[in-house]
Amino acid sequence: MAHNNPIIAFAARRQLVYRKWRKLSVDYIERLPMHPDKVVHPVWNPSGTRTYRWACNTPNLQNVPEDLRDLFRGFGKYVVQGDYDQLELRILSALSQDEAFLETFATGGDPHRDTAALMFQLPAKRITDDQRKLAKPFNYGAGYLASANELHAAAVVDFPDITLDYTRKLLGMWFKAHPKVKVWQESSVKKAKKLGYVETPLSGHRLHFFGHVKPTEVCNWQVQPTAADLINEATPPIAAELDWEQEGILAQVHDSLVLDGND
């Protein structure tokens, strides 16, 4: 919540940052479960999430931030992570047929830089790294109808001085940059209210609503489970190509696979 007193507002923002890093320290350093063989053995569940993604716990290696990933090592000489580039944004662009996103992916552009260019009405080459970083949480959140409060909480980690009012302004700028996404969202919610469910475009997994239809779930359900369908479909052929004496799949982290090996 925003506060009119700048000192209190600053202290509140710093507290959010502290809480984030304190939680990471507790979860991935202080309480890291270690077996006698000095190896971390997480538990994987292929049906552990509503969106058909693999779930991981004790510890959850899927949520390890980039700053802490170097703490973990595989069994071989190398660890390689491969993924579909910007998979969820590509799915969102295909579903919404938003011209700006489609143009970015067709030309091999940077969706966050291109979005920032549209938001701030500047050529992409003049967009600063901070402007790109500021646009990024909107690309990942606004498509799922994240609220201004949720986007503010995400942005304040990198921009402690950002206000809730400015976040609301940025949200409006994002939808102006990607108007077809808004049309898709409204159409999807209207259809879900009529049918009582929403389904994924590839596998047809349905999420039924009994009573109130939640717009965020309507939009999320069409994107994240579809991403899970694609990565789950890609995993068996990749596994079949591995030499399991020298190589292996360590983890599935959302839309990517983490592999290790000696060659």
Protein backbone atom coordinates (compact mmCIF):
# COMPACT_ATOMS: atom_id res chain seq x y z
CA MET A 1 0.00 0.00 0.00
CA ALA A 2 1.36 3.46 -0.89
CA HIS A 3 1.93 6.00 1.87
CA ASN A 4 2.02 9.79 1.64
CA ASN A 5 4.95 10.11 4.06
CA PRO A 6 8.11 9.58 1.94
CA ILE A 7 10.13 8.23 4.86
CA ILE A 8 7.50 5.62 5.73
CA ALA A 9 7.03 4.76 2.04
CA PHE A 10 10.79 4.28 1.61
CA ALA A 11 10.99 2.10 4.74
CA ALA A 12 8.07 -0.02 3.50
CA ARG A 13 9.75 -0.59 0.12
CA ARG A 14 13.04 -1.56 1.74
CA GLN A 15 11.19 -3.97 4.00
CA LEU A 16 9.74 -5.73 0.93
CA VAL A 17 13.23 -6.18 -0.49
CA TYR A 18 14.55 -7.46 2.87
CA ARG A 19 11.70 -9.97 3.19
CA LYS A 20 12.39 -11.35 -0.26
CA TRP A 21 16.10 -11.96 0.38
CA ARG A 22 15.53 -13.18 3.93
CA LYS A 23 13.10 -15.81 2.63
CA LEU A 24 15.59 -16.93 -0.01
CA SER A 25 18.32 -17.22 2.61
CA VAL A 26 16.12 -19.35 4.86
CA ASP A 27 14.75 -21.58 2.07
CA TYR A 28 17.90 -22.20 0.05
CA ILE A 29 20.79 -21.75 2.47
CA GLU A 30 19.82 -22.18 6.11
CA ARG A 31 17.25 -24.96 5.65
CA LEU A 32 18.62 -26.72 2.61
CA PRO A 33 17.98 -30.46 3.17
CA MET A 34 21.26 -32.31 2.73
CA HIS A 35 21.57 -36.11 2.66
CA PRO A 36 24.56 -38.05 3.99
CA ASP A 37 25.89 -38.37 0.44
CA LYS A 38 26.07 -34.53 0.35
CA VAL A 39 23.61 -34.48 -2.54
CA VAL A 40 20.32 -32.60 -2.64
CA HIS A 41 17.47 -35.01 -3.44
CA PRO A 42 14.36 -32.98 -4.31
CA VAL A 43 10.99 -34.67 -4.75
CA TRP A 44 9.47 -34.34 -8.24
CA ASN A 45 5.77 -34.69 -8.94
CA PRO A 46 4.64 -34.67 -12.61
CA SER A 47 1.06 -33.84 -11.61
CA GLY A 48 1.80 -31.60 -8.65
CA THR A 49 0.35 -28.37 -10.06
CA ARG A 50 -3.02 -27.34 -11.43
CA THR A 51 -1.37 -26.16 -14.64
CA TYR A 52 0.12 -29.60 -15.44
CA ARG A 53 3.67 -28.50 -14.78
CA TRP A 54 6.05 -30.64 -12.78
CA ALA A 55 6.24 -29.68 -9.12
CA CYS A 56 9.38 -29.82 -6.99
CA ASN A 57 9.81 -29.61 -3.23
CA THR A 58 12.24 -30.23 -0.34
CA PRO A 59 13.72 -28.03 -1.75
CA ASN A 60 11.87 -26.38 -4.61
CA LEU A 61 14.63 -26.02 -7.19
CA GLN A 62 12.26 -24.39 -9.66
CA ASN A 63 12.15 -21.16 -7.68
CA VAL A 64 15.88 -20.70 -7.12
CA PRO A 65 16.68 -17.17 -8.37
CA GLU A 66 19.50 -16.57 -10.80
CA ASP A 67 21.65 -15.02 -8.04
CA LEU A 68 21.70 -18.34 -6.16
CA ARG A 69 21.84 -20.86 -9.00
CA ASP A 70 25.64 -21.03 -8.94
CA LEU A 71 25.33 -22.69 -5.52
CA PHE A 72 24.10 -25.88 -7.20
CA ARG A 73 26.18 -28.31 -9.25
CA GLY A 74 25.38 -31.42 -11.27
CA PHE A 75 27.23 -34.74 -11.29
CA GLY A 76 29.17 -34.16 -14.50
CA LYS A 77 31.55 -31.51 -15.69
CA TYR A 78 28.89 -29.36 -17.27
CA VAL A 79 25.36 -28.18 -16.51
CA VAL A 80 23.28 -26.95 -19.43
CA GLN A 81 19.86 -25.35 -19.30
CA GLY A 82 17.78 -25.25 -22.46
CA ASP A 83 14.35 -23.78 -22.97
CA TYR A 84 11.89 -22.38 -25.45
CA ASP A 85 12.75 -18.70 -25.75
CA GLN A 86 9.98 -16.56 -24.20
CA LEU A 87 7.54 -19.48 -24.48
CA GLU A 88 4.66 -17.99 -22.50
CA LEU A 89 4.86 -14.66 -24.33
CA ARG A 90 4.88 -16.51 -27.64
CA ILE A 91 1.75 -18.41 -26.60
CA LEU A 92 0.13 -15.16 -25.45
CA SER A 93 0.93 -13.54 -28.79
CA ALA A 94 -0.52 -16.51 -30.70
CA LEU A 95 -3.72 -16.53 -28.65
CA SER A 96 -4.27 -12.77 -28.72
CA GLN A 97 -2.83 -12.17 -32.22
CA ASP A 98 -1.33 -8.96 -30.86
CA GLU A 99 0.51 -7.33 -33.74
CA ALA A 100 3.34 -5.89 -31.66
CA PHE A 101 4.24 -9.22 -30.06
CA LEU A 102 3.88 -11.08 -33.35
CA GLU A 103 6.18 -8.61 -35.08
CA THR A 104 8.78 -8.93 -32.33
CA PHE A 105 8.90 -12.71 -32.52
CA ALA A 106 8.76 -12.80 -36.32
CA THR A 107 11.82 -10.54 -36.54
CA GLY A 108 13.77 -12.07 -33.65
CA GLY A 109 13.42 -8.97 -31.49
CA ASP A 110 13.58 -8.54 -27.73
CA PRO A 111 9.97 -8.50 -26.43
CA HIS A 112 10.85 -6.57 -23.27
CA ARG A 113 12.84 -3.90 -25.11
CA ASP A 114 10.20 -3.62 -27.84
CA THR A 115 7.43 -3.33 -25.26
CA ALA A 116 9.37 -0.63 -23.41
CA ALA A 117 9.81 1.22 -26.70
CA LEU A 118 6.04 1.22 -27.22
CA MET A 119 5.31 2.16 -23.61
CA PHE A 120 7.75 5.07 -23.53
CA GLN A 121 7.26 5.97 -27.21
CA LEU A 122 10.95 5.76 -28.07
CA PRO A 123 12.95 3.83 -30.68
CA ALA A 124 14.02 0.45 -29.33
CA LYS A 125 17.70 1.37 -29.67
CA ARG A 126 17.19 4.28 -27.26
CA ILE A 127 15.60 2.16 -24.54
CA THR A 128 17.80 1.93 -21.46
CA ASP A 129 18.40 -1.25 -19.50
CA ASP A 130 16.30 0.14 -16.65
CA GLN A 131 13.39 0.86 -18.98
CA ARG A 132 13.61 -2.66 -20.35
CA LYS A 133 13.74 -4.10 -16.84
CA LEU A 134 10.72 -2.02 -15.87
CA ALA A 135 8.66 -3.33 -18.80
CA LYS A 136 9.51 -6.97 -18.07
CA PRO A 137 7.15 -7.62 -15.12
CA PHE A 138 4.31 -6.06 -17.10
CA ASN A 139 4.88 -8.46 -19.98
CA TYR A 140 4.77 -11.39 -17.58
CA GLY A 141 1.94 -10.09 -15.38
CA ALA A 142 -0.46 -7.92 -17.35
CA GLY A 143 -1.27 -10.74 -19.76
CA TYR A 144 -2.70 -12.66 -16.81
CA LEU A 145 -4.60 -9.60 -15.55
CA ALA A 146 -2.23 -9.00 -12.64
CA SER A 147 -3.36 -6.03 -10.58
CA ALA A 148 -1.45 -2.79 -10.19
CA ASN A 149 -0.69 -3.79 -6.60
CA GLU A 150 0.82 -7.10 -7.73
CA LEU A 151 2.87 -5.43 -10.46
CA HIS A 152 4.04 -2.78 -8.01
CA ALA A 153 5.25 -5.49 -5.63
CA ALA A 154 7.22 -7.06 -8.49
CA ALA A 155 8.69 -3.79 -9.76
CA VAL A 156 9.68 -2.41 -6.35
CA VAL A 157 12.33 -5.10 -5.94
CA ASP A 158 14.44 -3.50 -8.70
CA PHE A 159 13.00 0.01 -8.42
CA PRO A 160 12.51 0.80 -4.69
CA ASP A 161 11.29 4.34 -5.41
CA ILE A 162 8.50 3.41 -7.80
CA THR A 163 5.05 4.46 -6.61
CA LEU A 164 1.74 2.67 -6.94
CA ASP A 165 0.32 5.58 -8.93
CA TYR A 166 3.15 5.36 -11.45
CA THR A 167 2.66 1.59 -11.66
CA ARG A 168 -0.98 2.18 -12.56
CA LYS A 169 0.14 4.60 -15.27
CA LEU A 170 2.60 2.04 -16.63
CA LEU A 171 -0.12 -0.60 -16.70
CA GLY A 172 -2.25 1.66 -18.86
CA MET A 173 0.75 2.27 -21.12
CA TRP A 174 1.28 -1.49 -21.45
CA PHE A 175 -2.29 -2.15 -22.58
CA LYS A 176 -2.00 0.73 -25.03
CA ALA A 177 1.10 -0.99 -26.42
CA HIS A 178 -0.66 -4.36 -26.66
CA PRO A 179 -4.36 -3.63 -27.28
CA LYS A 180 -5.17 -7.04 -28.77
CA VAL A 181 -4.26 -8.68 -25.45
CA LYS A 182 -7.06 -6.75 -23.77
CA VAL A 183 -9.50 -7.85 -26.48
CA TRP A 184 -8.44 -11.50 -26.01
CA GLN A 185 -8.78 -11.25 -22.23
CA GLU A 186 -12.28 -9.81 -22.40
CA SER A 187 -13.37 -12.31 -25.05
CA SER A 188 -11.95 -15.24 -23.05
CA VAL A 189 -13.70 -14.19 -19.86
CA LYS A 190 -17.00 -13.71 -21.70
CA LYS A 191 -16.71 -17.18 -23.25
CA ALA A 192 -15.82 -18.78 -19.92
CA LYS A 193 -18.86 -17.22 -18.27
CA LYS A 194 -21.08 -18.60 -21.03
CA LEU A 195 -19.63 -22.13 -21.01
CA GLY A 196 -18.72 -22.40 -17.33
CA TYR A 197 -15.18 -23.52 -18.13
CA VAL A 198 -12.00 -22.62 -20.00
CA GLU A 199 -9.78 -25.10 -21.82
CA THR A 200 -6.24 -25.26 -23.14
CA PRO A 201 -5.90 -24.94 -26.92
CA LEU A 202 -3.66 -28.01 -27.42
CA SER A 203 -4.60 -30.73 -24.93
CA GLY A 204 -8.10 -29.54 -24.12
CA HIS A 205 -7.56 -29.61 -20.34
CA ARG A 206 -10.54 -27.88 -18.80
CA LEU A 207 -10.83 -25.69 -15.74
CA HIS A 208 -14.47 -25.60 -14.61
CA PHE A 209 -15.98 -22.71 -12.72
CA PHE A 210 -18.73 -23.35 -10.23
CA GLY A 211 -20.21 -19.94 -9.64
CA HIS A 212 -17.83 -16.99 -9.88
CA VAL A 213 -15.52 -16.90 -12.92
CA LYS A 214 -12.07 -15.55 -12.06
CA PRO A 215 -10.66 -13.57 -15.02
CA THR A 216 -7.05 -14.12 -13.94
CA GLU A 217 -7.55 -17.90 -13.95
CA VAL A 218 -9.27 -17.78 -17.34
CA CYS A 219 -6.25 -16.09 -18.92
CA ASN A 220 -3.61 -18.00 -16.99
CA TRP A 221 -5.16 -21.37 -17.80
CA GLN A 222 -4.80 -20.90 -21.53
CA VAL A 223 -1.10 -19.99 -21.36
CA GLN A 224 0.73 -21.84 -18.57
CA PRO A 225 -0.78 -25.32 -19.14
CA THR A 226 -0.07 -24.92 -22.86
CA ALA A 227 3.56 -24.16 -22.03
CA ALA A 228 3.58 -27.28 -19.85
CA ASP A 229 2.10 -29.34 -22.70
CA LEU A 230 4.92 -28.25 -25.02
CA ILE A 231 7.80 -28.90 -22.62
CA ASN A 232 6.32 -32.25 -21.53
CA GLU A 233 6.02 -33.25 -25.18
CA ALA A 234 9.64 -32.28 -25.83
CA THR A 235 11.14 -34.10 -22.81
CA PRO A 236 10.87 -37.79 -23.91
CA PRO A 237 12.59 -37.29 -27.31
CA ILE A 238 15.41 -35.40 -25.60
CA ALA A 239 15.77 -38.12 -22.94
CA ALA A 240 15.93 -40.78 -25.67
CA GLU A 241 18.94 -39.05 -27.22
CA LEU A 242 20.99 -38.97 -24.00
CA ASP A 243 23.77 -41.34 -23.04
CA TRP A 244 22.62 -42.01 -19.49
CA GLU A 245 26.05 -43.31 -18.50
CA GLN A 246 27.47 -39.86 -19.09
CA GLU A 247 24.47 -37.53 -19.22
CA GLY A 248 21.16 -36.95 -17.49
CA ILE A 249 18.21 -34.65 -16.90
CA LEU A 250 18.60 -32.93 -13.53
CA ALA A 251 15.45 -30.85 -13.43
CA GLN A 252 12.52 -29.39 -15.28
CA VAL A 253 12.25 -25.73 -14.36
CA HIS A 254 8.96 -24.45 -15.72
CA ASP A 255 9.62 -24.15 -19.46
CA SER A 256 13.19 -25.45 -19.49
CA LEU A 257 15.22 -28.60 -18.95
CA VAL A 258 18.43 -28.69 -16.92
CA LEU A 259 20.88 -31.36 -18.05
CA ASP A 260 24.38 -32.36 -16.99
CA GLY A 261 27.13 -34.40 -18.60
CA ASN A 262 30.83 -34.84 -19.21
CA ASP A 263 30.99 -34.13 -22.94
